[in-house]
Amino acid sequence: MGFTHAAAAKKQPNIVFIFSDDHAYQAISAYKDPRKLVETPNIDRIGREGMLFQRCVVPNSICGPSRACVLTGKYNHINGYFNNSNCKFDGNNPPMIEMGKQVKREGYVTDIIGNDSLKWLQQRDKSKPFLLMCQHKAPHRPWEPPIRFLNHDQGRVYDEPASLFDNYENRGLAVRDQEMTLEKTMNRLDVKLSVPGDLNPEQRKAWDAYYGPRNEAYEKLKLQGKDLVHWRYQRYMHDYLGCVKAVDENVGRVLKYLDDEGQSDNTIVVYSADQGFYLGEHGWFDKRWIFEESLRAPLLVRWPGVTKPGSEFKGIVSNIDFAETFLEAAGLPVPADMQGHSLVPVLKGEMPSDWRKSFYYHYYEFPQPHHVRPHYGVVTDRYKLVHFYAPDVDYWELYDREKDPNEMRDCSGDPAYAKTVEELKAEVLRLRQELKVPEADEPWHFGGRRGDAGAGNVKGKKTK
């Protein structure tokens, strides 16, 4: 029996959907990453007073396509949004669009979005239920923290992930031949050796006061190899986590407003992000892969009177379930052509007998910006079977997360896993048929727009 009472049914609930860009679950303290990177008390509160989802996975780990899945409840081969076009993130004094017109806003973008969210709540029609979508661009690259959080960690030395110096042996060419490492791909703006061009004089003064002497000390060291990676990891964590702290603050502002207005008891609050993100694991930043830090997004949901406080769900859920969930919670019909499943039964404490045991993943964008080969595969509670394909690769890999939680070894060639590979290949085929995945990709599905040459023919030689 679910955790419900009669009061919850009296009014249609409000919905507050807070969504961040590139916020790794490792950087939310509720997920208890062993590095204990940062405290996020406001985001944690949502899970503490509701449900923490341990395995929220995405169909395509990249920003725009992920949002298309949220909006449509459909995979990218159905909704038509396969990849990102080039864009730039402005962290301070950002240009924004209001009613179709571009305007220049003064301040830190996370705070501006928080301000606008509160303004909308204050000016809404208070006689009707509402849906607020509060979407933060942070902590997106280049990870520019607000001025108030420069030196937020007081020079802390962060524990490094066990796989920071992964040499990519025991895996194929796709993992070895990518462009997303701290050592080779991070640029001077990423690590704040260059100054953002959008700071006002007051911001620039504070920025230079913090980064100036530290950068001067770094330049004298002339670091290379592992020493360079050590340094970049520490700078990356300071900057990225400073952005996260600003997001958490603004989540707290929204929660406080709901409390002060007496709306908390009748409001579903959801916190999530467009996908996972690498915080040094495998020597990487960014996302894109079927591997865990990229595939898995944070998801915390509070629904007072319906969802038991402090509960957890370890089954596989996804952002393609969000639209269906919001529709059912709002008392609206769910279109039959949506491909996700409403989370309302789960939030009520029920476990549907037909809940998914496997999940289909498909990444397309290639060759730019990070040279990650297209791949698709199946994810279960224990295994990942993935097919890498491009003009120069065509092979499968299998990962056993129970025995290899850091996903450092392809075991597809191990005879002990032969039956597992056979079963999972059959499951990939079943899912592709069920989800109506085209047999072959169109060239424009990859790195460019429709009509671009893209990656061309996806059938290639077998290359490991």
Protein backbone atom coordinates (compact mmCIF):
# COMPACT_ATOMS: atom_id res chain seq x y z
CA MET A 1 0.00 0.00 0.00
CA GLY A 2 1.34 3.44 -0.92
CA PHE A 3 2.09 6.29 1.47
CA THR A 4 -1.08 8.33 0.88
CA HIS A 5 -3.74 10.17 2.79
CA ALA A 6 -6.99 11.86 1.84
CA ALA A 7 -5.61 15.39 1.98
CA ALA A 8 -3.36 14.74 -1.01
CA ALA A 9 -6.35 14.10 -3.25
CA LYS A 10 -8.27 17.28 -2.40
CA LYS A 11 -6.35 19.57 -4.74
CA GLN A 12 -4.50 19.10 -8.02
CA PRO A 13 -0.80 19.34 -7.12
CA ASN A 14 1.52 22.06 -8.33
CA ILE A 15 4.73 20.89 -10.01
CA VAL A 16 8.15 22.52 -9.67
CA PHE A 17 10.68 20.98 -12.04
CA ILE A 18 14.26 22.11 -11.37
CA PHE A 19 16.69 20.96 -14.03
CA SER A 20 20.43 21.66 -14.27
CA ASP A 21 22.94 21.25 -17.08
CA ASP A 22 25.75 18.73 -16.55
CA HIS A 23 25.18 18.27 -12.81
CA ALA A 24 26.85 14.98 -11.89
CA TYR A 25 25.18 12.83 -9.26
CA GLN A 26 28.63 12.56 -7.62
CA ALA A 27 28.32 16.28 -6.83
CA ILE A 28 25.13 15.88 -4.80
CA SER A 29 25.84 14.91 -1.22
CA ALA A 30 22.69 12.76 -0.98
CA TYR A 31 24.35 10.30 -3.39
CA LYS A 32 27.25 9.80 -0.97
CA ASP A 33 30.16 9.78 -3.37
CA PRO A 34 33.17 8.53 -1.37
CA ARG A 35 35.11 11.69 -2.21
CA LYS A 36 32.47 13.79 -0.38
CA LEU A 37 33.02 16.53 -2.92
CA VAL A 38 30.40 19.06 -1.81
CA GLU A 39 27.46 19.57 0.51
CA THR A 40 24.13 20.27 -1.22
CA PRO A 41 21.68 20.63 1.70
CA ASN A 42 18.80 22.06 -0.31
CA ILE A 43 18.87 19.45 -3.06
CA ASP A 44 19.36 16.77 -0.40
CA ARG A 45 16.24 18.04 1.37
CA ILE A 46 14.10 17.05 -1.63
CA GLY A 47 15.25 13.46 -1.31
CA ARG A 48 15.12 13.45 2.47
CA GLU A 49 11.49 14.59 2.36
CA GLY A 50 10.69 12.42 -0.65
CA MET A 51 12.42 9.83 -2.85
CA LEU A 52 16.00 9.46 -4.06
CA PHE A 53 16.29 7.58 -7.36
CA GLN A 54 19.51 5.60 -7.53
CA ARG A 55 19.38 4.64 -11.21
CA CYS A 56 17.93 7.40 -13.36
CA VAL A 57 19.48 6.84 -16.80
CA VAL A 58 19.20 8.78 -20.05
CA PRO A 59 18.69 7.56 -23.63
CA ASN A 60 21.39 9.85 -25.09
CA SER A 61 23.88 11.54 -22.78
CA ILE A 62 24.06 15.01 -24.29
CA CYS A 63 22.31 18.27 -23.48
CA GLY A 64 19.84 19.12 -26.26
CA PRO A 65 18.77 15.57 -27.07
CA SER A 66 18.23 14.90 -23.37
CA ARG A 67 15.89 17.88 -23.10
CA ALA A 68 14.02 16.72 -26.17
CA CYS A 69 13.43 13.40 -24.39
CA VAL A 70 12.12 15.26 -21.32
CA LEU A 71 9.71 17.34 -23.38
CA THR A 72 8.39 14.54 -25.57
CA GLY A 73 8.71 11.35 -23.54
CA LYS A 74 10.27 9.83 -26.66
CA TYR A 75 13.69 8.67 -27.86
CA ASN A 76 15.68 10.90 -30.21
CA HIS A 77 15.10 8.71 -33.24
CA ILE A 78 11.39 9.49 -32.75
CA ASN A 79 11.50 13.13 -31.60
CA GLY A 80 14.13 14.01 -34.22
CA TYR A 81 16.69 15.74 -31.98
CA PHE A 82 19.91 13.71 -32.19
CA ASN A 83 22.75 16.12 -31.42
CA ASN A 84 23.73 19.61 -30.30
CA SER A 85 24.67 22.48 -32.56
CA ASN A 86 27.54 24.65 -31.45
CA CYS A 87 26.71 26.99 -28.58
CA LYS A 88 28.45 29.05 -25.90
CA PHE A 89 27.58 29.26 -22.22
CA ASP A 90 27.89 32.68 -20.59
CA GLY A 91 28.22 32.39 -16.80
CA ASN A 92 28.21 36.10 -15.86
CA ASN A 93 26.07 38.98 -17.17
CA PRO A 94 24.44 36.64 -19.74
CA PRO A 95 22.45 37.57 -22.83
CA MET A 96 18.99 36.07 -22.40
CA ILE A 97 15.76 35.92 -24.39
CA GLU A 98 12.58 37.50 -23.06
CA MET A 99 9.43 37.15 -25.15
CA GLY A 100 11.49 36.58 -28.28
CA LYS A 101 13.91 39.47 -27.75
CA GLN A 102 17.53 39.23 -26.60
CA VAL A 103 18.33 41.28 -23.51
CA LYS A 104 21.51 41.73 -21.48
CA ARG A 105 21.16 40.81 -17.80
CA GLU A 106 23.55 41.87 -15.06
CA GLY A 107 24.64 39.27 -12.54
CA TYR A 108 25.40 35.58 -12.25
CA VAL A 109 23.20 33.46 -14.49
CA THR A 110 22.16 30.95 -11.79
CA ASP A 111 20.99 33.79 -9.56
CA ILE A 112 19.17 35.45 -12.44
CA ILE A 113 17.27 32.26 -13.19
CA GLY A 114 16.48 31.90 -9.48
CA ASN A 115 15.21 35.50 -9.38
CA ASP A 116 13.05 35.00 -12.44
CA SER A 117 11.60 31.79 -11.02
CA LEU A 118 10.58 33.51 -7.81
CA LYS A 119 9.18 36.49 -9.74
CA TRP A 120 7.03 34.15 -11.84
CA LEU A 121 5.77 32.37 -8.73
CA GLN A 122 4.85 35.66 -7.12
CA GLN A 123 2.98 36.91 -10.19
CA ARG A 124 1.19 33.68 -11.13
CA ASP A 125 -2.58 33.19 -11.06
CA LYS A 126 -2.89 31.90 -7.51
CA SER A 127 -6.34 30.43 -8.16
CA LYS A 128 -4.90 27.68 -10.36
CA PRO A 129 -2.35 24.87 -10.00
CA PHE A 130 0.98 25.68 -11.66
CA LEU A 131 3.93 24.05 -13.37
CA LEU A 132 7.25 25.86 -13.01
CA MET A 133 10.24 24.72 -15.06
CA CYS A 134 13.34 26.24 -13.45
CA GLN A 135 16.27 25.26 -15.67
CA HIS A 136 19.80 26.17 -14.62
CA LYS A 137 22.62 26.33 -17.13
CA ALA A 138 25.22 25.67 -14.42
CA PRO A 139 27.38 23.74 -13.84
CA HIS A 140 28.02 23.65 -17.59
CA ARG A 141 31.51 24.17 -19.04
CA PRO A 142 33.54 26.37 -18.59
CA TRP A 143 32.50 26.12 -14.92
CA GLU A 144 32.66 29.78 -13.92
CA PRO A 145 31.75 30.02 -10.21
CA PRO A 146 30.08 33.13 -8.80
CA ILE A 147 32.37 35.70 -7.23
CA ARG A 148 31.04 34.86 -3.75
CA PHE A 149 32.28 31.27 -4.10
CA LEU A 150 35.83 31.96 -5.18
CA ASN A 151 37.88 30.16 -2.55
CA HIS A 152 34.73 28.43 -1.24
CA ASP A 153 36.78 25.35 -0.40
CA GLN A 154 39.61 27.23 1.37
CA GLY A 155 42.27 25.50 -0.71
CA ARG A 156 40.95 22.00 -0.04
CA VAL A 157 42.80 19.14 -1.74
CA TYR A 158 40.12 16.87 -3.22
CA ASP A 159 40.46 13.11 -3.26
CA GLU A 160 41.02 11.86 -6.78
CA PRO A 161 38.90 9.17 -8.46
CA ALA A 162 40.52 5.75 -8.64
CA SER A 163 40.41 5.82 -12.45
CA LEU A 164 41.90 9.30 -12.93
CA PHE A 165 44.93 7.79 -14.70
CA ASP A 166 43.06 5.13 -16.63
CA ASN A 167 45.27 3.94 -19.52
CA TYR A 168 42.24 2.48 -21.41
CA GLU A 169 43.74 -0.96 -21.82
CA ASN A 170 41.33 -3.92 -22.04
CA ARG A 171 38.96 -1.80 -24.15
CA GLY A 172 38.61 -0.96 -27.82
CA LEU A 173 39.62 1.97 -29.99
CA ALA A 174 36.56 4.09 -29.17
CA VAL A 175 37.53 4.46 -25.51
CA ARG A 176 41.19 5.03 -26.30
CA ASP A 177 40.64 7.48 -29.16
CA GLN A 178 38.55 10.31 -27.71
CA GLU A 179 39.15 13.97 -26.94
CA MET A 180 37.79 14.66 -23.46
CA THR A 181 40.72 14.29 -21.08
CA LEU A 182 41.86 16.68 -18.39
CA GLU A 183 45.40 16.30 -19.69
CA LYS A 184 44.92 16.99 -23.40
CA THR A 185 41.47 18.53 -23.96
CA MET A 186 40.95 21.09 -21.21
CA ASN A 187 41.88 24.56 -22.41
CA ARG A 188 43.10 27.71 -20.67
CA LEU A 189 39.61 29.12 -20.25
CA ASP A 190 38.42 25.84 -18.67
CA VAL A 191 41.07 26.11 -15.95
CA LYS A 192 40.79 29.93 -15.62
CA LEU A 193 44.23 30.73 -17.01
CA SER A 194 42.28 32.97 -19.38
CA VAL A 195 39.77 35.48 -18.04
CA PRO A 196 36.12 35.35 -19.17
CA GLY A 197 35.35 38.29 -21.43
CA ASP A 198 31.98 39.16 -19.91
CA LEU A 199 33.01 40.35 -16.42
CA ASN A 200 32.25 43.88 -15.32
CA PRO A 201 35.05 45.90 -13.59
CA GLU A 202 33.98 44.95 -10.06
CA GLN A 203 33.74 41.25 -10.95
CA ARG A 204 37.05 41.38 -12.79
CA LYS A 205 38.79 42.85 -9.76
CA ALA A 206 37.60 40.04 -7.50
CA TRP A 207 38.34 37.43 -10.18
CA ASP A 208 41.90 38.61 -10.62
CA ALA A 209 42.45 38.80 -6.87
CA TYR A 210 41.63 35.10 -6.51
CA TYR A 211 42.98 33.54 -9.70
CA GLY A 212 45.86 35.93 -10.41
CA PRO A 213 48.42 34.83 -7.80
CA ARG A 214 47.42 31.18 -8.11
CA ASN A 215 47.85 31.26 -11.88
CA GLU A 216 51.20 33.00 -11.56
CA ALA A 217 52.40 30.23 -9.24
CA TYR A 218 51.12 27.59 -11.66
CA GLU A 219 52.88 29.11 -14.69
CA LYS A 220 56.22 28.97 -12.90
CA LEU A 221 55.86 25.22 -12.30
CA LYS A 222 55.60 24.31 -16.03
CA LEU A 223 53.70 21.13 -15.17
CA GLN A 224 53.38 18.20 -17.57
CA GLY A 225 51.98 14.67 -17.57
CA LYS A 226 50.54 13.41 -14.30
CA ASP A 227 51.56 16.54 -12.42
CA LEU A 228 49.50 18.61 -14.85
CA VAL A 229 46.50 16.31 -14.42
CA HIS A 230 46.75 16.53 -10.62
CA TRP A 231 46.69 20.33 -10.83
CA ARG A 232 43.89 20.52 -13.37
CA TYR A 233 41.73 18.14 -11.36
CA GLN A 234 41.99 20.34 -8.27
CA ARG A 235 41.22 23.52 -10.24
CA TYR A 236 38.32 21.74 -12.00
CA MET A 237 36.79 20.65 -8.70
CA HIS A 238 37.04 24.14 -7.18
CA ASP A 239 35.33 25.74 -10.16
CA TYR A 240 32.71 23.08 -10.91
CA LEU A 241 31.67 22.68 -7.29
CA GLY A 242 31.45 26.44 -6.83
CA CYS A 243 28.85 26.43 -9.61
CA VAL A 244 27.02 23.56 -7.90
CA LYS A 245 26.87 25.47 -4.62
CA ALA A 246 25.16 28.37 -6.41
CA VAL A 247 22.58 25.99 -7.90
CA ASP A 248 21.91 24.49 -4.47
CA GLU A 249 21.43 27.95 -2.97
CA ASN A 250 18.84 28.80 -5.59
CA VAL A 251 17.04 25.49 -5.08
CA GLY A 252 16.81 26.51 -1.43
CA ARG A 253 15.27 29.85 -2.38
CA VAL A 254 12.46 28.11 -4.28
CA LEU A 255 11.84 25.65 -1.44
CA LYS A 256 11.69 28.51 1.07
CA TYR A 257 9.16 30.36 -1.08
CA LEU A 258 6.93 27.28 -1.18
CA ASP A 259 7.23 26.98 2.60
CA ASP A 260 6.48 30.65 3.21
CA GLU A 261 3.47 30.62 0.89
CA GLY A 262 2.01 27.47 2.37
CA GLN A 263 2.40 25.64 -0.95
CA SER A 264 4.89 22.93 0.01
CA ASP A 265 2.31 20.35 1.02
CA ASN A 266 0.57 20.53 -2.35
CA THR A 267 3.61 20.81 -4.63
CA ILE A 268 5.61 18.09 -6.33
CA VAL A 269 9.25 19.18 -6.42
CA VAL A 270 11.61 17.42 -8.83
CA TYR A 271 15.37 17.95 -9.11
CA SER A 272 17.29 16.41 -11.98
CA ALA A 273 19.88 17.12 -14.67
CA ASP A 274 20.16 16.42 -18.37
CA GLN A 275 22.62 13.56 -17.88
CA GLY A 276 25.59 12.60 -15.78
CA PHE A 277 29.06 14.13 -16.02
CA TYR A 278 32.65 13.06 -15.53
CA LEU A 279 34.46 14.55 -12.57
CA GLY A 280 37.85 13.11 -13.43
CA GLU A 281 36.79 9.46 -13.69
CA HIS A 282 38.79 7.79 -16.49
CA GLY A 283 40.71 11.05 -16.74
CA TRP A 284 37.67 12.69 -18.34
CA PHE A 285 35.27 15.58 -18.17
CA ASP A 286 32.07 15.87 -20.27
CA LYS A 287 29.55 13.01 -20.85
CA ARG A 288 28.30 11.11 -24.00
CA TRP A 289 29.19 7.54 -23.05
CA ILE A 290 26.96 4.65 -21.99
CA PHE A 291 29.31 4.34 -19.01
CA GLU A 292 27.89 5.05 -15.58
CA GLU A 293 29.06 8.56 -14.71
CA SER A 294 27.72 9.76 -18.06
CA LEU A 295 24.60 7.60 -18.33
CA ARG A 296 23.25 8.22 -14.84
CA ALA A 297 21.52 11.47 -13.91
CA PRO A 298 20.48 12.66 -10.46
CA LEU A 299 16.77 12.47 -9.65
CA LEU A 300 15.13 13.47 -6.37
CA VAL A 301 11.36 13.92 -5.99
CA ARG A 302 9.27 15.26 -3.11
CA TRP A 303 5.49 14.75 -3.14
CA PRO A 304 4.10 15.35 0.36
CA GLY A 305 1.35 12.97 1.42
CA VAL A 306 2.08 10.64 -1.49
CA THR A 307 5.79 9.78 -1.43
CA LYS A 308 7.22 8.40 1.78
CA PRO A 309 9.97 10.68 3.14
CA GLY A 310 13.46 9.23 2.96
CA SER A 311 12.53 6.50 0.48
CA GLU A 312 14.78 5.20 -2.30
CA PHE A 313 14.12 3.50 -5.61
CA LYS A 314 16.85 1.35 -7.15
CA GLY A 315 15.05 0.28 -10.32
CA ILE A 316 15.79 1.76 -13.74
CA VAL A 317 13.97 5.03 -14.45
CA SER A 318 14.69 7.64 -17.10
CA ASN A 319 14.07 11.19 -18.21
CA ILE A 320 11.73 9.82 -20.87
CA ASP A 321 9.45 9.05 -17.90
CA PHE A 322 9.17 12.68 -16.75
CA ALA A 323 6.50 13.93 -19.18
CA GLU A 324 4.26 10.93 -18.49
CA THR A 325 4.70 11.47 -14.74
CA PHE A 326 3.74 15.14 -14.90
CA LEU A 327 0.71 14.43 -17.07
CA GLU A 328 -0.62 11.73 -14.75
CA ALA A 329 0.03 13.84 -11.65
CA ALA A 330 -1.87 16.71 -13.29
CA GLY A 331 -4.81 14.44 -14.11
CA LEU A 332 -4.21 14.59 -17.86
CA PRO A 333 -4.13 11.71 -20.36
CA VAL A 334 -0.79 10.31 -21.47
CA PRO A 335 -0.50 10.05 -25.27
CA ALA A 336 -0.19 6.45 -26.39
CA ASP A 337 2.87 7.14 -28.55
CA MET A 338 5.06 8.21 -25.63
CA GLN A 339 7.83 5.71 -24.89
CA GLY A 340 8.40 6.24 -21.16
CA HIS A 341 6.42 5.17 -18.10
CA SER A 342 4.80 7.35 -15.46
CA LEU A 343 6.64 7.32 -12.13
CA VAL A 344 3.45 8.02 -10.18
CA PRO A 345 3.03 4.38 -9.02
CA VAL A 346 6.66 4.31 -7.90
CA LEU A 347 6.24 7.58 -6.03
CA LYS A 348 3.23 6.07 -4.28
CA GLY A 349 5.41 3.24 -3.05
CA GLU A 350 4.13 0.66 -5.51
CA MET A 351 6.30 -1.51 -7.73
CA PRO A 352 4.57 -2.29 -11.03
CA SER A 353 5.05 -5.95 -11.96
CA ASP A 354 6.02 -5.02 -15.52
CA TRP A 355 8.60 -2.34 -14.62
CA ARG A 356 11.56 -2.29 -17.00
CA LYS A 357 14.52 -4.56 -16.29
CA SER A 358 16.62 -3.25 -19.18
CA PHE A 359 17.13 0.05 -20.97
CA TYR A 360 18.20 1.02 -24.48
CA TYR A 361 20.88 3.70 -24.98
CA HIS A 362 21.97 5.39 -28.22
CA TYR A 363 24.56 8.15 -28.75
CA TYR A 364 25.06 9.75 -32.19
CA GLU A 365 27.17 12.93 -32.21
CA PHE A 366 30.44 12.35 -34.08
CA PRO A 367 33.17 13.32 -34.82
CA GLN A 368 32.97 16.63 -32.98
CA PRO A 369 33.23 18.02 -30.40
CA HIS A 370 34.85 15.18 -28.41
CA HIS A 371 35.40 12.42 -30.97
CA VAL A 372 33.26 9.89 -29.11
CA ARG A 373 32.20 7.14 -31.52
CA PRO A 374 28.47 6.54 -32.02
CA HIS A 375 27.25 3.61 -30.00
CA TYR A 376 24.12 1.88 -28.79
CA GLY A 377 23.50 -0.83 -26.28
CA VAL A 378 21.50 -2.25 -23.43
CA VAL A 379 21.77 -1.47 -19.73
CA THR A 380 20.61 -3.77 -16.93
CA ASP A 381 21.13 -3.68 -13.17
CA ARG A 382 24.43 -5.54 -13.65
CA TYR A 383 25.56 -5.46 -17.28
CA LYS A 384 26.14 -3.12 -20.21
CA LEU A 385 26.47 -4.50 -23.71
CA VAL A 386 27.48 -1.81 -26.19
CA HIS A 387 28.01 -1.72 -29.95
CA PHE A 388 30.49 0.90 -31.19
CA TYR A 389 30.12 1.82 -34.84
CA ALA A 390 31.62 4.44 -37.14
CA PRO A 391 33.56 4.41 -40.43
CA ASP A 392 36.57 2.94 -38.61
CA VAL A 393 35.02 0.76 -35.87
CA ASP A 394 32.41 -1.98 -35.63
CA TYR A 395 32.58 -4.09 -32.47
CA TRP A 396 30.83 -4.99 -29.21
CA GLU A 397 31.95 -4.67 -25.60
CA LEU A 398 30.48 -6.09 -22.39
CA TYR A 399 30.88 -4.65 -18.90
CA ASP A 400 30.05 -6.43 -15.65
CA ARG A 401 29.40 -3.68 -13.10
CA GLU A 402 29.13 -6.18 -10.25
CA LYS A 403 32.73 -7.36 -10.68
CA ASP A 404 34.06 -4.24 -12.37
CA PRO A 405 32.18 -1.21 -10.96
CA ASN A 406 34.57 1.29 -12.56
CA GLU A 407 34.00 -0.25 -16.00
CA MET A 408 37.66 -0.80 -16.80
CA ARG A 409 37.48 -4.18 -18.55
CA ASP A 410 35.66 -5.38 -21.65
CA CYS A 411 34.73 -8.99 -20.96
CA SER A 412 32.89 -9.71 -24.22
CA GLY A 413 35.65 -12.10 -25.32
CA ASP A 414 35.68 -14.08 -22.08
CA PRO A 415 34.12 -17.52 -22.67
CA ALA A 416 32.50 -17.33 -19.24
CA TYR A 417 30.33 -14.48 -20.54
CA ALA A 418 29.40 -16.02 -23.90
CA LYS A 419 25.82 -16.79 -22.85
CA THR A 420 25.41 -13.33 -21.32
CA VAL A 421 26.55 -11.69 -24.56
CA GLU A 422 24.12 -13.83 -26.56
CA GLU A 423 21.21 -12.99 -24.26
CA LEU A 424 21.96 -9.27 -24.20
CA LYS A 425 22.34 -9.07 -27.99
CA ALA A 426 18.88 -10.57 -28.24
CA GLU A 427 17.63 -7.98 -25.75
CA VAL A 428 19.19 -5.15 -27.79
CA LEU A 429 17.35 -6.43 -30.86
CA ARG A 430 14.08 -6.71 -28.93
CA LEU A 431 14.38 -3.17 -27.58
CA ARG A 432 15.29 -1.72 -30.98
CA GLN A 433 12.20 -3.32 -32.47
CA GLU A 434 9.95 -2.26 -29.58
CA LEU A 435 11.23 1.33 -29.72
CA LYS A 436 11.10 1.44 -33.54
CA VAL A 437 14.79 2.25 -33.97
CA PRO A 438 15.72 2.53 -37.67
CA GLU A 439 18.02 -0.21 -38.89
CA ALA A 440 20.61 2.34 -40.08
CA ASP A 441 21.38 5.91 -39.07
CA GLU A 442 21.01 8.83 -41.42
CA PRO A 443 24.31 10.76 -41.90
CA TRP A 444 22.78 13.95 -40.48
CA HIS A 445 22.10 12.21 -37.18
CA PHE A 446 25.72 12.67 -36.23
CA GLY A 447 27.61 15.90 -35.68
CA GLY A 448 25.85 18.24 -38.07
CA ARG A 449 22.45 19.39 -39.23
CA ARG A 450 20.21 17.74 -41.79
CA GLY A 451 22.00 17.73 -45.11
CA ASP A 452 25.51 17.72 -43.63
CA ALA A 453 27.88 14.96 -44.64
CA GLY A 454 28.14 13.74 -41.04
CA ALA A 455 29.90 10.45 -40.45
CA GLY A 456 28.67 8.81 -43.63
CA ASN A 457 28.18 5.06 -43.81
CA VAL A 458 28.16 3.61 -40.30
CA LYS A 459 29.21 0.14 -41.43
CA GLY A 460 32.95 -0.17 -40.98
CA LYS A 461 35.75 -2.59 -40.36
CA LYS A 462 36.07 -4.33 -37.04
CA THR A 463 38.60 -2.36 -35.05
CA LYS A 464 39.45 -2.85 -31.41
